[in-house]
Amino acid sequence: METDVNSKHIVVIGGGPGGYPAAFHAADLGMQVTLIDDAPNPGGVCLYRGCIPSKALLHAAAFINEASEIAEWGITVSKPQIDLDKLRARKEAVIAKLTGGLGQLTKQRKITYLQGRARFADPKTLTVTMSDGTTQTLTFDAAIIATGSQPIHLPFAPDSPRVLDSTTALDLADIPASMLLVGGGYIGLELGQVYASLGSRVTVVEMMPALLPGADAALVRVLAAKLKKQFEAIHLKTRVAALDETPEGIAVRFEGKHEGSETFDKILVAVGRRPDAGNVGLENTGVVVDEKGFITVDAQRRTAEPAIYAIGDVAGQPMLAHKATYEGKVAAEAIAGMKTVYDPKAIPGVVFTDPEIAWCGLTEAEAKAAGRDVKVTSFPWAASGRATTLGRSDGVTRLVLDPTDNHRVLGVGMAGPGAGELIAEGTLAIEMGAVADDLAWTIHPHPTLSETVMEAAESAMGHSIHYTR
C-alpha cells in the first residue's frame, strides 16, 4: 500500500534555489521535511556567493556608468566617490535580508533545518555532521540531493590572494589597478564589468572564437561592442599557458591568436563550474554519476536509487537557479505520488551585463547545426521609441520561427537593458505553442521595450510599423 503523504519524511541536502523550493513545496504538500545545509539559513551559492551579491554589485556598477553617460543629456554629475566598505556592507545586507527571510519561511512551514553536512550511510540513512561538530543520524523515506556546483580552478594557478574565483571576487577586498578575466562566459563578464566600473583596467582572455560561447552571435555582438569600450583588451582564440606570482603581480603567458606575457595585479578565473556530487557518500548508494560528474536522473529527477532524487547543478545542464527551482518542485511532487514530469519546452538564460543578453528556446546557430529550416526575424532597438528615450538604441530583439507551422515561435533572444525581464514573454510563447501572429496581435503598452517583441513578430509578416528591411 502507498505510504500516506503526511507520514513521509523527506530529507533535502542543500539549501540553494533548488533545495529550499523543493523543501518548501514538499512541506506545502503535507510531508515532514528536513533541510540540511552548512549555512545559517537557506540560500545556497546563489544567495550567499553568486546570483544575488553579483546583481547587487552590478546595480552599483550600472549607476556609475549611467552617471558618466548622462552628460550627453546636458546633466553634469561629478565623478562618483566609492566607499568600498559601504559597498560591501550594502551587498552583505542584501544577502542577510534574503537569507534571513528564507529562514523565517522555513520555520513557518515547520521544516526542520539542520546546519551541517550530510553523507549517505546507506540508501535510507544519512549521517549529518553539525556545525558544532556533533553528529546526527537520520532515516528517511526519500531524499533530494541539491548540492549545486563549485568553481573550476586552473591546476597551474598559484595559491595566492591575487588569484580569484567567482566567490572570492565578490568579497571586493580591493579594486586592483589591473585585472585579467580568464574565461569569457557570463560569470567573468558580469564581474568584469563590476570591476571595470569601479576603476580596474580589465582584460579578457577566451579560448573560443567569441565571447559567451553558445549564445546567439547577433546578441553577443551588441554586448561585445560595449565591452570593447569598457575593457582594456579582449583576446579571443587565446589561452593562458602559465601563471606565476611575482612581486609585481601575476605574470601571465598567453598562447594562441594573442601571444606574449603580461603582468596583472589580480586574476579572476571564471572558466566554468563543476557539479558538487562528491563527499556526500554516493558510493554507499546505487546513485550513478556520469563521466562529467553529473548525477544521472530520470524525467522525475529520480536517480538509479529509487528513494533518492537529484536536482539543480548537480543533475545536469543548464546550471541555472530557475531550472533548479523547477526541478525541485517536480521532485517534491513525484515523491508525493503526483503525476509530474520535468519537460520544459524552453529554459530562459540571462547574462546580467550591460547591455543584458537573454534568450530561450532554439537559437539560429542550433537550428543550423541540426540542419533545421527556420525563419529568423529581428527588430532593432534603434527603431524603438522607448529605447531612444533611454539613449539605448543599440539593442535588438530576435525571433526564431518555424516557417512550415504558421510561424510557430521556436526561440526568442534579445540584447539591451531589461532583456532579462522581457524574456519571460518569449518563454511563455514557446511553452504555449504560440505563433508570430499571437505576439503581433497582443497589445503591448507604449512606449515600452516590450513592443520590440511585438514588432519583431510583425516583421515576420512583413509589416512592422516602425521598421522596414
Protein backbone atom coordinates (compact mmCIF):
# COMPACT_ATOMS: atom_id res chain seq x y z
CA MET A 1 0.00 0.00 0.00
CA GLU A 2 1.23 3.52 -0.83
CA THR A 3 2.60 5.38 2.19
CA ASP A 4 0.39 8.30 3.27
CA VAL A 5 1.93 11.59 2.13
CA ASN A 6 1.64 13.13 5.61
CA SER A 7 3.76 10.34 7.12
CA LYS A 8 6.59 10.63 4.61
CA HIS A 9 9.88 12.02 5.88
CA ILE A 10 11.74 13.89 3.14
CA VAL A 11 15.34 14.99 3.51
CA VAL A 12 16.73 17.70 1.22
CA ILE A 13 20.51 18.04 1.07
CA GLY A 14 21.45 21.57 0.04
CA GLY A 15 19.60 24.82 0.69
CA GLY A 16 20.08 26.64 -2.60
CA PRO A 17 17.49 27.70 -5.20
CA GLY A 18 16.79 24.05 -5.94
CA GLY A 19 16.88 22.69 -2.41
CA TYR A 20 14.83 25.18 -0.45
CA PRO A 21 11.96 25.38 -3.01
CA ALA A 22 11.89 21.56 -3.04
CA ALA A 23 11.70 21.54 0.77
CA PHE A 24 9.06 24.28 0.85
CA HIS A 25 6.92 22.58 -1.79
CA ALA A 26 7.18 19.20 -0.06
CA ALA A 27 6.08 20.81 3.21
CA ASP A 28 3.19 22.55 1.45
CA LEU A 29 2.15 19.13 0.15
CA GLY A 30 1.94 17.86 3.73
CA MET A 31 5.19 15.93 4.06
CA GLN A 32 7.60 16.01 7.00
CA VAL A 33 10.72 17.76 5.76
CA THR A 34 14.30 18.11 6.97
CA LEU A 35 16.50 20.59 5.11
CA ILE A 36 20.28 20.33 5.54
CA ASP A 37 22.85 22.97 4.60
CA ASP A 38 26.08 24.27 6.11
CA ALA A 39 24.93 27.91 6.14
CA PRO A 40 22.97 29.52 8.99
CA ASN A 41 19.92 29.91 6.71
CA PRO A 42 18.84 28.55 3.32
CA GLY A 43 20.07 30.35 0.22
CA GLY A 44 22.95 28.33 -1.17
CA VAL A 45 25.61 29.62 -3.54
CA CYS A 46 23.04 31.74 -5.39
CA LEU A 47 22.12 33.92 -2.44
CA TYR A 48 25.35 33.83 -0.48
CA ARG A 49 28.06 33.73 -3.15
CA GLY A 50 26.51 34.04 -6.61
CA CYS A 51 23.38 35.42 -8.24
CA ILE A 52 22.26 37.86 -5.56
CA PRO A 53 25.54 39.52 -4.46
CA SER A 54 26.72 39.81 -8.06
CA LYS A 55 23.47 41.51 -9.09
CA ALA A 56 23.72 43.88 -6.13
CA LEU A 57 27.19 44.91 -7.32
CA LEU A 58 26.03 45.14 -10.94
CA HIS A 59 23.34 47.57 -9.81
CA ALA A 60 26.03 49.82 -8.34
CA ALA A 61 28.16 49.45 -11.47
CA ALA A 62 25.21 50.41 -13.68
CA PHE A 63 24.69 53.61 -11.69
CA ILE A 64 28.36 54.56 -12.09
CA ASN A 65 28.13 54.03 -15.85
CA GLU A 66 24.88 55.97 -16.15
CA ALA A 67 26.39 58.86 -14.19
CA SER A 68 29.16 59.15 -16.79
CA GLU A 69 26.79 58.82 -19.75
CA ILE A 70 24.16 61.32 -18.57
CA ALA A 71 26.39 64.20 -19.72
CA GLU A 72 25.02 63.61 -23.22
CA TRP A 73 21.66 64.82 -21.88
CA GLY A 74 23.12 68.06 -20.58
CA ILE A 75 23.39 66.89 -16.99
CA THR A 76 26.79 67.01 -15.35
CA VAL A 77 27.44 64.65 -12.46
CA SER A 78 30.68 64.75 -10.51
CA LYS A 79 32.77 61.60 -10.56
CA PRO A 80 31.28 59.09 -8.08
CA GLN A 81 33.30 58.56 -4.91
CA ILE A 82 33.43 54.89 -4.00
CA ASP A 83 33.35 53.85 -0.36
CA LEU A 84 34.31 50.20 -0.68
CA ASP A 85 33.42 49.39 2.93
CA LYS A 86 29.88 50.74 2.49
CA LEU A 87 29.51 48.94 -0.85
CA ARG A 88 30.50 45.64 0.76
CA ALA A 89 28.18 46.31 3.69
CA ARG A 90 25.26 47.01 1.36
CA LYS A 91 25.89 43.77 -0.51
CA GLU A 92 26.05 41.83 2.76
CA ALA A 93 22.85 43.49 3.97
CA VAL A 94 21.02 42.30 0.85
CA ILE A 95 22.27 38.76 1.45
CA ALA A 96 21.31 38.85 5.12
CA LYS A 97 17.81 40.14 4.39
CA LEU A 98 17.03 37.48 1.80
CA THR A 99 18.58 34.52 3.60
CA GLY A 100 17.04 35.62 6.89
CA GLY A 101 13.65 35.74 5.19
CA LEU A 102 14.14 32.21 3.95
CA GLY A 103 14.98 31.15 7.49
CA GLN A 104 11.66 32.55 8.68
CA LEU A 105 9.76 30.81 5.87
CA THR A 106 11.46 27.55 6.85
CA LYS A 107 10.19 27.91 10.41
CA GLN A 108 6.70 28.92 9.30
CA ARG A 109 6.46 25.72 7.26
CA LYS A 110 7.62 23.70 10.28
CA ILE A 111 10.61 22.36 8.35
CA THR A 112 13.46 21.00 10.46
CA TYR A 113 16.60 22.89 9.46
CA LEU A 114 19.96 21.34 10.25
CA GLN A 115 23.10 23.41 9.78
CA GLY A 116 25.68 20.86 8.82
CA ARG A 117 26.94 18.49 6.14
CA ALA A 118 25.22 15.23 5.21
CA ARG A 119 26.57 11.93 3.95
CA PHE A 120 24.67 8.81 2.93
CA ALA A 121 25.45 5.85 5.16
CA ASP A 122 23.14 3.68 3.04
CA PRO A 123 20.19 4.28 0.66
CA LYS A 124 17.86 5.17 3.54
CA THR A 125 20.18 6.67 6.15
CA LEU A 126 22.13 9.92 6.46
CA THR A 127 24.84 10.96 8.88
CA VAL A 128 24.85 14.71 9.47
CA THR A 129 27.92 16.43 10.87
CA MET A 130 26.54 19.53 12.53
CA SER A 131 28.24 22.93 12.54
CA ASP A 132 29.10 22.44 16.24
CA GLY A 133 30.92 19.18 15.49
CA THR A 134 28.24 16.82 16.78
CA THR A 135 26.63 14.21 14.55
CA GLN A 136 23.07 13.08 13.91
CA THR A 137 21.73 10.04 12.12
CA LEU A 138 18.55 10.36 10.08
CA THR A 139 16.42 7.82 8.30
CA PHE A 140 14.15 8.94 5.50
CA ASP A 141 11.54 7.81 3.01
CA ALA A 142 13.02 9.91 0.20
CA ALA A 143 15.97 12.25 -0.22
CA ILE A 144 16.64 15.04 -2.67
CA ILE A 145 20.26 15.90 -3.47
CA ALA A 146 20.64 19.61 -4.27
CA THR A 147 24.33 20.18 -3.56
CA GLY A 148 24.91 22.50 -6.52
CA SER A 149 28.27 23.21 -8.10
CA GLN A 150 31.61 24.87 -7.41
CA PRO A 151 34.08 26.90 -9.49
CA ILE A 152 36.56 25.11 -11.71
CA HIS A 153 40.15 26.01 -10.80
CA LEU A 154 43.17 26.08 -13.10
CA PRO A 155 45.56 23.36 -11.90
CA PHE A 156 48.62 25.51 -12.65
CA ALA A 157 47.36 28.64 -10.90
CA PRO A 158 49.38 29.67 -7.83
CA ASP A 159 47.71 29.59 -4.43
CA SER A 160 47.60 33.33 -3.96
CA PRO A 161 45.15 36.02 -2.83
CA ARG A 162 45.85 37.61 -6.21
CA VAL A 163 44.09 34.69 -7.96
CA LEU A 164 40.32 34.98 -7.53
CA ASP A 165 37.35 32.82 -8.40
CA SER A 166 33.68 33.80 -8.67
CA THR A 167 33.34 33.55 -4.88
CA THR A 168 36.39 35.49 -3.72
CA ALA A 169 35.89 38.15 -6.40
CA LEU A 170 32.60 39.08 -4.71
CA ASP A 171 34.44 39.85 -1.47
CA LEU A 172 35.76 43.10 -3.00
CA ALA A 173 38.91 43.03 -0.90
CA ASP A 174 40.19 45.92 -3.02
CA ILE A 175 39.96 47.37 -6.50
CA PRO A 176 43.06 46.23 -8.41
CA ALA A 177 44.60 48.58 -10.94
CA SER A 178 44.61 45.77 -13.50
CA MET A 179 42.69 42.50 -13.71
CA LEU A 180 42.66 39.58 -16.13
CA LEU A 181 39.45 37.61 -16.64
CA VAL A 182 40.26 34.04 -17.63
CA GLY A 183 37.09 32.97 -19.44
CA GLY A 184 34.62 34.97 -21.49
CA GLY A 185 31.46 33.39 -20.08
CA TYR A 186 28.68 35.14 -18.21
CA ILE A 187 30.26 34.95 -14.74
CA GLY A 188 33.51 36.55 -15.86
CA LEU A 189 31.87 39.24 -17.96
CA GLU A 190 29.42 40.24 -15.22
CA LEU A 191 32.15 40.54 -12.59
CA GLY A 192 34.48 42.13 -15.13
CA GLN A 193 32.00 44.94 -15.70
CA VAL A 194 31.72 45.46 -11.94
CA TYR A 195 35.48 45.84 -11.52
CA ALA A 196 35.82 47.95 -14.67
CA SER A 197 33.13 50.33 -13.39
CA LEU A 198 34.90 50.58 -10.04
CA GLY A 199 38.13 51.57 -11.78
CA SER A 200 40.08 48.43 -12.76
CA ARG A 201 41.67 48.06 -16.19
CA VAL A 202 40.11 44.75 -17.26
CA THR A 203 41.41 42.34 -19.90
CA VAL A 204 39.56 39.20 -21.03
CA VAL A 205 41.06 36.04 -22.49
CA GLU A 206 38.81 33.40 -24.06
CA MET A 207 39.80 30.20 -25.88
CA MET A 208 36.77 30.20 -28.16
CA PRO A 209 36.30 32.48 -31.24
CA ALA A 210 33.68 34.60 -29.44
CA LEU A 211 32.56 35.69 -26.01
CA LEU A 212 29.67 33.81 -24.39
CA PRO A 213 30.14 30.58 -26.38
CA GLY A 214 26.78 29.06 -27.26
CA ALA A 215 24.83 32.31 -27.16
CA ASP A 216 23.32 33.88 -30.28
CA ALA A 217 26.17 35.66 -32.10
CA ALA A 218 23.90 38.56 -33.08
CA LEU A 219 23.13 39.20 -29.42
CA VAL A 220 26.75 38.83 -28.31
CA ARG A 221 27.84 41.45 -30.85
CA VAL A 222 25.72 44.06 -29.08
CA LEU A 223 27.42 43.33 -25.76
CA ALA A 224 30.89 43.00 -27.30
CA ALA A 225 30.63 46.49 -28.77
CA LYS A 226 30.05 47.90 -25.28
CA LEU A 227 32.77 45.79 -23.67
CA LYS A 228 35.37 46.94 -26.19
CA LYS A 229 34.87 50.45 -24.81
CA GLN A 230 34.87 49.38 -21.16
CA PHE A 231 37.65 46.78 -21.14
CA GLU A 232 41.34 47.27 -21.78
CA ALA A 233 41.51 44.33 -24.21
CA ILE A 234 39.60 41.23 -25.32
CA HIS A 235 41.74 38.33 -26.54
CA LEU A 236 39.81 35.59 -28.37
CA LYS A 237 41.15 32.24 -29.59
CA THR A 238 43.75 32.61 -26.85
CA ARG A 239 44.53 30.57 -23.79
CA VAL A 240 46.52 31.09 -20.61
CA ALA A 241 49.59 28.84 -20.76
CA ALA A 242 51.20 29.80 -17.45
CA LEU A 243 50.60 31.84 -14.31
CA ASP A 244 53.42 32.84 -11.99
CA GLU A 245 53.34 35.08 -8.95
CA THR A 246 55.93 37.85 -8.84
CA PRO A 247 56.43 40.83 -6.52
CA GLU A 248 54.63 42.99 -9.12
CA GLY A 249 51.61 40.69 -9.51
CA ILE A 250 50.67 37.61 -11.53
CA ALA A 251 52.74 37.11 -14.67
CA VAL A 252 50.64 35.55 -17.43
CA ARG A 253 51.88 33.86 -20.60
CA PHE A 254 49.40 33.73 -23.47
CA GLU A 255 49.27 31.28 -26.38
CA GLY A 256 47.10 31.34 -29.50
CA LYS A 257 45.95 34.31 -31.51
CA HIS A 258 47.41 36.63 -28.89
CA GLU A 259 50.84 35.62 -27.68
CA GLY A 260 53.21 37.11 -25.18
CA SER A 261 53.41 37.85 -21.48
CA GLU A 262 51.83 40.47 -19.26
CA THR A 263 51.57 41.08 -15.52
CA PHE A 264 48.27 41.82 -13.75
CA ASP A 265 47.51 42.87 -10.20
CA LYS A 266 44.82 40.20 -9.94
CA ILE A 267 43.45 37.28 -11.96
CA LEU A 268 39.82 36.18 -11.95
CA VAL A 269 39.45 32.58 -13.06
CA ALA A 270 35.95 32.10 -14.47
CA VAL A 271 36.24 29.05 -16.72
CA GLY A 272 33.04 27.41 -15.54
CA ARG A 273 31.62 25.36 -12.70
CA ARG A 274 31.55 21.64 -11.94
CA PRO A 275 28.85 19.62 -10.18
CA ASP A 276 29.40 19.13 -6.47
CA ALA A 277 28.45 15.46 -6.18
CA GLY A 278 31.46 14.39 -4.16
CA ASN A 279 31.73 13.90 -0.43
CA VAL A 280 28.05 13.06 0.14
CA GLY A 281 28.52 9.29 0.34
CA LEU A 282 27.08 8.36 -3.04
CA GLU A 283 29.35 5.29 -3.01
CA ASN A 284 27.09 3.89 -0.28
CA THR A 285 24.06 4.09 -2.57
CA GLY A 286 23.07 2.99 -6.06
CA VAL A 287 23.20 6.55 -7.39
CA VAL A 288 25.01 6.76 -10.75
CA VAL A 289 27.33 9.63 -11.67
CA ASP A 290 28.23 10.20 -15.34
CA GLU A 291 31.66 10.94 -16.82
CA LYS A 292 31.18 14.69 -16.35
CA GLY A 293 30.32 14.35 -12.67
CA PHE A 294 26.57 14.86 -13.00
CA ILE A 295 24.14 12.59 -11.19
CA THR A 296 22.01 10.64 -13.66
CA VAL A 297 18.26 11.21 -13.21
CA ASP A 298 15.02 10.37 -14.99
CA ALA A 299 12.20 12.69 -16.03
CA GLN A 300 11.00 12.95 -12.43
CA ARG A 301 14.55 13.67 -11.20
CA ARG A 302 14.79 10.18 -9.63
CA THR A 303 18.25 8.61 -9.55
CA ALA A 304 19.13 4.96 -10.06
CA GLU A 305 18.45 4.61 -6.32
CA PRO A 306 14.60 4.73 -6.18
CA ALA A 307 14.35 6.70 -2.92
CA ILE A 308 16.93 9.32 -3.90
CA TYR A 309 16.37 12.26 -6.27
CA ALA A 310 18.76 14.91 -7.58
CA ILE A 311 18.09 18.43 -8.86
CA GLY A 312 19.87 21.59 -9.95
CA ASP A 313 23.51 21.96 -11.00
CA VAL A 314 24.41 18.51 -9.69
CA ALA A 315 21.82 16.90 -12.01
CA GLY A 316 22.96 18.32 -15.35
CA GLN A 317 22.99 21.34 -17.62
CA PRO A 318 21.98 24.08 -17.78
CA MET A 319 23.36 25.21 -14.45
CA LEU A 320 20.72 27.84 -13.72
CA ALA A 321 18.95 28.71 -10.49
CA HIS A 322 15.47 28.83 -12.03
CA LYS A 323 15.96 25.45 -13.66
CA ALA A 324 16.87 24.05 -10.23
CA THR A 325 13.71 25.54 -8.71
CA TYR A 326 11.57 23.95 -11.40
CA GLU A 327 13.23 20.58 -10.83
CA GLY A 328 12.78 20.89 -7.07
CA LYS A 329 9.02 21.23 -7.42
CA VAL A 330 8.90 18.28 -9.83
CA ALA A 331 10.88 16.07 -7.43
CA ALA A 332 8.68 17.02 -4.46
CA GLU A 333 5.52 16.21 -6.40
CA ALA A 334 6.96 12.93 -7.67
CA ILE A 335 7.75 11.89 -4.08
CA ALA A 336 4.20 12.82 -3.11
CA GLY A 337 2.92 10.42 -5.78
CA MET A 338 1.60 13.11 -8.08
CA LYS A 339 1.66 12.90 -11.88
CA THR A 340 4.53 15.20 -12.76
CA VAL A 341 7.45 15.34 -15.15
CA TYR A 342 10.37 17.63 -15.93
CA ASP A 343 9.62 18.63 -19.50
CA PRO A 344 10.19 22.36 -20.12
CA LYS A 345 9.99 23.48 -23.74
CA ALA A 346 12.23 26.45 -23.01
CA ILE A 347 14.55 27.49 -20.19
CA PRO A 348 15.49 31.18 -20.30
CA GLY A 349 19.10 32.22 -19.92
CA VAL A 350 20.13 35.72 -18.88
CA VAL A 351 23.52 37.42 -18.80
CA PHE A 352 23.18 40.39 -16.44
CA THR A 353 25.81 42.52 -18.10
CA ASP A 354 25.12 45.96 -19.54
CA PRO A 355 23.51 45.52 -22.00
CA GLU A 356 21.78 42.40 -20.76
CA ILE A 357 21.50 39.38 -23.04
CA ALA A 358 18.60 36.96 -22.72
CA TRP A 359 17.34 34.05 -24.78
CA CYS A 360 15.17 30.96 -24.64
CA GLY A 361 14.35 28.05 -26.91
CA LEU A 362 16.15 27.35 -30.17
CA THR A 363 18.92 29.65 -31.39
CA GLU A 364 19.74 30.24 -35.05
CA ALA A 365 23.11 28.51 -34.62
CA GLU A 366 21.48 25.44 -33.05
CA ALA A 367 18.99 25.27 -35.91
CA LYS A 368 21.80 25.39 -38.48
CA ALA A 369 23.80 22.73 -36.64
CA ALA A 370 20.73 20.46 -36.67
CA GLY A 371 20.02 21.18 -40.33
CA ARG A 372 16.65 22.61 -39.39
CA ASP A 373 14.96 25.17 -41.61
CA VAL A 374 13.90 28.24 -39.62
CA LYS A 375 12.90 31.82 -40.26
CA VAL A 376 14.76 34.40 -38.21
CA THR A 377 13.30 37.87 -37.82
CA SER A 378 14.59 40.77 -35.79
CA PHE A 379 13.69 44.26 -34.67
CA PRO A 380 16.48 46.76 -33.95
CA TRP A 381 16.01 48.85 -30.84
CA ALA A 382 17.15 51.88 -32.82
CA ALA A 383 13.56 51.87 -34.14
CA SER A 384 12.08 51.71 -30.62
CA GLY A 385 10.76 54.94 -29.18
CA ARG A 386 11.37 53.78 -25.61
CA ALA A 387 14.95 52.67 -26.33
CA THR A 388 15.64 56.04 -27.94
CA THR A 389 14.34 57.94 -24.90
CA LEU A 390 16.71 55.87 -22.76
CA GLY A 391 19.63 56.56 -25.06
CA ARG A 392 19.97 52.81 -25.58
CA SER A 393 19.27 52.18 -29.23
CA ASP A 394 21.99 49.53 -29.57
CA GLY A 395 19.73 46.62 -28.65
CA VAL A 396 17.93 44.03 -30.74
CA THR A 397 15.07 41.53 -30.40
CA ARG A 398 15.15 38.34 -32.48
CA LEU A 399 12.63 35.57 -33.07
CA VAL A 400 13.37 32.09 -34.43
CA LEU A 401 10.23 30.77 -36.15
CA ASP A 402 9.09 27.58 -37.82
CA PRO A 403 8.32 28.53 -41.46
CA THR A 404 6.16 25.43 -42.00
CA ASP A 405 3.90 25.73 -38.94
CA ASN A 406 2.25 29.15 -39.09
CA HIS A 407 5.49 30.71 -37.87
CA ARG A 408 5.35 28.95 -34.51
CA VAL A 409 7.79 30.53 -32.06
CA LEU A 410 10.81 28.29 -31.53
CA GLY A 411 13.23 30.72 -29.95
CA VAL A 412 13.46 34.28 -28.67
CA GLY A 413 16.54 36.36 -27.96
CA MET A 414 17.24 39.95 -27.08
CA ALA A 415 20.08 42.24 -26.11
CA GLY A 416 19.56 45.51 -24.30
CA PRO A 417 18.68 46.96 -20.91
CA GLY A 418 16.00 44.91 -19.15
CA ALA A 419 16.29 41.96 -21.52
CA GLY A 420 16.19 39.61 -18.54
CA GLU A 421 12.77 40.95 -17.57
CA LEU A 422 11.43 40.82 -21.13
CA ILE A 423 12.45 37.24 -21.94
CA ALA A 424 9.63 35.73 -19.85
CA GLU A 425 7.14 36.65 -22.59
CA GLY A 426 9.20 34.69 -25.09
CA THR A 427 9.44 31.71 -22.75
CA LEU A 428 5.68 31.69 -22.27
CA ALA A 429 5.15 31.94 -26.04
CA ILE A 430 7.23 28.82 -26.60
CA GLU A 431 5.60 26.90 -23.74
CA MET A 432 2.12 27.76 -25.07
CA GLY A 433 2.97 26.90 -28.69
CA ALA A 434 2.33 30.50 -29.79
CA VAL A 435 2.81 31.67 -33.37
CA ALA A 436 4.15 35.02 -34.53
CA ASP A 437 0.63 36.37 -35.02
CA ASP A 438 -0.12 35.73 -31.34
CA LEU A 439 2.70 38.08 -30.38
CA ALA A 440 1.93 40.57 -33.13
CA TRP A 441 -1.74 40.89 -32.18
CA THR A 442 -1.15 41.10 -28.43
CA ILE A 443 -1.44 44.77 -27.45
CA HIS A 444 1.80 45.88 -25.84
CA PRO A 445 1.93 49.13 -23.83
CA HIS A 446 3.54 52.14 -25.49
CA PRO A 447 6.21 53.32 -25.19
CA THR A 448 7.95 50.24 -23.76
CA LEU A 449 10.76 47.93 -24.71
CA SER A 450 8.22 45.07 -24.71
CA GLU A 451 6.94 46.46 -28.03
CA THR A 452 10.12 45.18 -29.66
CA VAL A 453 8.77 41.63 -29.25
CA MET A 454 5.52 42.62 -30.97
CA GLU A 455 7.32 44.41 -33.80
CA ALA A 456 9.77 41.54 -34.32
CA ALA A 457 6.71 39.31 -34.78
CA GLU A 458 5.14 41.84 -37.15
CA SER A 459 8.39 41.90 -39.09
CA ALA A 460 7.99 38.18 -39.74
CA MET A 461 4.75 39.02 -41.51
CA GLY A 462 6.44 41.80 -43.47
CA HIS A 463 4.61 44.75 -41.94
CA SER A 464 6.42 46.05 -38.84
CA ILE A 465 5.12 49.57 -38.16
CA HIS A 466 8.42 51.17 -37.20
CA TYR A 467 10.92 49.14 -39.21
CA THR A 468 11.37 48.08 -42.82
CA ARG A 469 14.19 45.97 -44.11
